[in-house]
Amino acid sequence: MTSRIALTVGSAVVVAGLGAAPAHAEFYSTSDPADAKGSLTDIRAVRAKHGAANVVVKVRFQDLTRSSAAGLSIFVDTDRGAKGAEFVLSSGLNDGTDYVLTEASGWRGTDQRVDCDYQAKLRWGAKNSVRARIDRSCLGEPQSVRVSVKMADPTDGSARVVDWSPERRRWSLPMEPGLGA
């Protein structure tokens, strides 16, 4: 009887320990299902890192083409107490596109451009990805960040395909700089 109680208590402690995993990490990575029917720019994976100097977000797509009409928004949350994002990096997904980092109001960009060091690189072919790097000073040197990614594709002019990762208006886990993987 005593050994059964000890085994039960020991198992409960192990299970409770598994549920109490760290709430923060330096990296975030997720795969995204093929759920943007009608668009080749379906998001397939997102990987983010909150490093000592930069926040880097890499978004992989099913098929990123140079002639795409789709656009990408990378939302960055630096204040968990406020609804929506504080910043958004917006970019087209076609050859020759431009990108801009602005302050955000909820889940929308504003015309308040952020003047700092950031960049976005589109990679066609086998990589099918966008890599965005934002200097932490652009974001006010936050203790933690969360990201959410949205792709919108006006596929045929009459219907717009939208794909979110991790989900519509949902955030990644919080990431803090320098914690290690």
Protein backbone atom coordinates (compact mmCIF):
# COMPACT_ATOMS: atom_id res chain seq x y z
CA MET A 1 0.00 0.00 0.00
CA THR A 2 2.79 2.45 0.92
CA SER A 3 4.66 1.75 -2.33
CA ARG A 4 1.49 2.41 -4.36
CA ILE A 5 0.98 5.78 -2.63
CA ALA A 6 4.64 6.70 -3.19
CA LEU A 7 4.38 5.65 -6.85
CA THR A 8 1.18 7.67 -7.31
CA VAL A 9 2.66 10.76 -5.62
CA GLY A 10 5.90 10.39 -7.61
CA SER A 11 3.97 10.11 -10.87
CA ALA A 12 1.90 13.19 -10.04
CA VAL A 13 5.07 15.19 -9.34
CA VAL A 14 6.58 14.12 -12.69
CA VAL A 15 3.38 14.98 -14.59
CA ALA A 16 3.11 18.36 -12.82
CA GLY A 17 6.74 19.07 -13.71
CA LEU A 18 6.03 18.37 -17.38
CA GLY A 19 3.17 20.86 -17.36
CA ALA A 20 5.34 23.55 -15.76
CA ALA A 21 7.66 23.98 -18.73
CA PRO A 22 9.31 27.39 -19.17
CA ALA A 23 6.93 30.04 -20.48
CA HIS A 24 9.68 31.78 -22.43
CA ALA A 25 12.28 30.72 -24.98
CA GLU A 26 14.71 32.39 -27.35
CA PHE A 27 13.39 30.51 -30.39
CA TYR A 28 9.95 29.74 -31.77
CA SER A 29 9.28 27.33 -34.60
CA THR A 30 6.08 25.91 -36.03
CA SER A 31 4.93 24.14 -39.15
CA ASP A 32 1.74 25.32 -40.80
CA PRO A 33 -0.70 23.02 -42.61
CA ALA A 34 -1.56 23.36 -46.30
CA ASP A 35 -4.67 25.40 -45.56
CA ALA A 36 -4.57 28.38 -47.95
CA LYS A 37 -6.38 26.71 -50.80
CA GLY A 38 -6.07 28.60 -54.06
CA SER A 39 -2.76 30.31 -53.24
CA LEU A 40 0.75 29.10 -53.99
CA THR A 41 2.03 31.36 -51.20
CA ASP A 42 0.52 29.16 -48.49
CA ILE A 43 2.60 29.57 -45.30
CA ARG A 44 4.27 26.24 -44.48
CA ALA A 45 6.54 27.14 -41.53
CA VAL A 46 7.58 30.04 -39.30
CA ARG A 47 10.79 30.24 -37.29
CA ALA A 48 11.59 33.20 -35.06
CA LYS A 49 14.56 34.05 -32.87
CA HIS A 50 14.86 36.85 -30.33
CA GLY A 51 18.60 37.36 -30.10
CA ALA A 52 20.71 39.85 -28.19
CA ALA A 53 20.81 42.29 -31.14
CA ASN A 54 17.92 41.34 -33.47
CA VAL A 55 14.58 39.66 -33.85
CA VAL A 56 14.71 37.40 -36.90
CA VAL A 57 11.62 35.82 -38.45
CA LYS A 58 11.81 33.35 -41.33
CA VAL A 59 8.63 32.37 -43.15
CA ARG A 60 8.60 29.43 -45.58
CA PHE A 61 5.97 29.12 -48.30
CA GLN A 62 4.65 26.33 -50.47
CA ASP A 63 5.79 28.10 -53.64
CA LEU A 64 7.03 31.69 -53.61
CA THR A 65 6.97 33.08 -57.16
CA ARG A 66 8.51 36.29 -58.49
CA SER A 67 5.19 37.38 -60.02
CA SER A 68 3.02 36.92 -56.92
CA ALA A 69 0.35 39.46 -56.01
CA ALA A 70 0.42 38.29 -52.38
CA GLY A 71 1.60 40.30 -49.40
CA LEU A 72 3.05 39.45 -46.01
CA SER A 73 2.63 41.03 -42.58
CA ILE A 74 4.88 40.07 -39.68
CA PHE A 75 3.28 41.34 -36.48
CA VAL A 76 5.47 41.89 -33.40
CA ASP A 77 4.03 42.13 -29.90
CA THR A 78 6.23 43.83 -27.30
CA ASP A 79 3.50 44.60 -24.72
CA ARG A 80 1.47 41.58 -23.66
CA GLY A 81 -0.93 43.85 -21.77
CA ALA A 82 -2.07 45.67 -24.92
CA LYS A 83 -4.33 44.11 -27.55
CA GLY A 84 -2.77 43.40 -30.93
CA ALA A 85 0.70 44.22 -32.16
CA GLU A 86 2.91 47.21 -31.48
CA PHE A 87 4.84 46.82 -34.77
CA VAL A 88 4.29 45.27 -38.19
CA LEU A 89 6.74 44.62 -41.01
CA SER A 90 4.81 44.63 -44.28
CA SER A 91 6.09 43.39 -47.63
CA GLY A 92 4.91 42.30 -51.02
CA LEU A 93 5.91 38.80 -52.07
CA ASN A 94 6.98 39.59 -55.64
CA ASP A 95 10.22 40.51 -57.36
CA GLY A 96 11.03 44.20 -56.94
CA THR A 97 8.76 44.65 -53.93
CA ASP A 98 9.53 46.95 -51.05
CA TYR A 99 8.99 46.49 -47.32
CA VAL A 100 8.39 48.79 -44.37
CA LEU A 101 8.33 48.57 -40.57
CA THR A 102 5.58 50.65 -39.00
CA GLU A 103 3.94 51.04 -35.65
CA ALA A 104 0.74 49.03 -35.41
CA SER A 105 -2.68 49.77 -34.07
CA GLY A 106 -4.20 46.49 -33.01
CA TRP A 107 -3.75 44.19 -36.00
CA ARG A 108 -3.18 46.90 -38.61
CA GLY A 109 -0.18 48.87 -39.69
CA THR A 110 -0.20 52.66 -39.44
CA ASP A 111 1.55 55.38 -41.43
CA GLN A 112 4.02 55.81 -38.51
CA ARG A 113 7.20 54.41 -40.09
CA VAL A 114 9.91 53.22 -37.72
CA ASP A 115 13.28 54.73 -38.67
CA CYS A 116 15.85 52.13 -37.68
CA ASP A 117 17.83 49.13 -38.93
CA TYR A 118 15.72 46.31 -40.40
CA GLN A 119 15.56 44.33 -43.63
CA ALA A 120 13.58 41.66 -45.45
CA LYS A 121 14.98 39.26 -48.05
CA LEU A 122 12.85 37.17 -50.37
CA ARG A 123 14.32 33.87 -51.56
CA TRP A 124 12.69 32.14 -54.49
CA GLY A 125 13.37 28.65 -55.84
CA ALA A 126 14.20 25.84 -53.42
CA LYS A 127 14.15 28.15 -50.36
CA ASN A 128 10.68 29.69 -50.95
CA SER A 129 11.09 31.99 -47.98
CA VAL A 130 11.19 35.48 -46.55
CA ARG A 131 13.72 36.33 -43.86
CA ALA A 132 13.08 39.50 -41.87
CA ARG A 133 15.61 40.95 -39.43
CA ILE A 134 14.60 43.76 -37.06
CA ASP A 135 17.11 45.42 -34.75
CA ARG A 136 15.91 45.22 -31.12
CA SER A 137 16.34 48.98 -30.81
CA CYS A 138 13.55 49.38 -33.41
CA LEU A 139 11.23 47.67 -30.95
CA GLY A 140 12.37 49.58 -27.85
CA GLU A 141 14.70 46.81 -26.53
CA PRO A 142 11.80 44.66 -25.26
CA GLN A 143 12.26 41.98 -22.58
CA SER A 144 10.19 39.59 -24.68
CA VAL A 145 8.43 39.50 -28.03
CA ARG A 146 5.75 37.40 -29.66
CA VAL A 147 5.15 37.13 -33.41
CA SER A 148 2.24 36.37 -35.70
CA VAL A 149 2.41 36.11 -39.48
CA LYS A 150 -0.29 36.82 -42.07
CA MET A 151 -0.22 36.25 -45.83
CA ALA A 152 -2.94 37.74 -48.05
CA ASP A 153 -3.26 36.82 -51.73
CA PRO A 154 -5.85 38.39 -54.05
CA THR A 155 -5.70 35.23 -56.20
CA ASP A 156 -8.11 36.10 -58.99
CA GLY A 157 -9.22 39.61 -58.11
CA SER A 158 -12.57 38.47 -56.74
CA ALA A 159 -11.52 36.38 -53.77
CA ARG A 160 -8.73 36.95 -51.28
CA VAL A 161 -6.94 34.02 -49.66
CA VAL A 162 -5.61 34.75 -46.16
CA ASP A 163 -3.30 32.49 -44.18
CA TRP A 164 -2.16 33.07 -40.57
CA SER A 165 0.52 31.37 -38.51
CA PRO A 166 0.26 30.17 -35.84
CA GLU A 167 -3.49 30.97 -36.20
CA ARG A 168 -5.66 33.99 -36.98
CA ARG A 169 -4.65 36.77 -34.59
CA ARG A 170 -2.80 34.36 -32.30
CA TRP A 171 0.74 34.75 -31.01
CA SER A 172 3.81 32.60 -30.84
CA LEU A 173 5.14 31.75 -27.43
CA PRO A 174 6.97 34.68 -25.78
CA MET A 175 10.66 34.85 -26.67
CA GLU A 176 13.36 36.48 -24.55
CA PRO A 177 16.87 37.25 -25.81
CA GLY A 178 19.84 35.17 -24.76
CA LEU A 179 18.08 32.27 -23.02
CA GLY A 180 19.56 29.59 -25.28
CA ALA A 181 17.73 26.76 -26.97
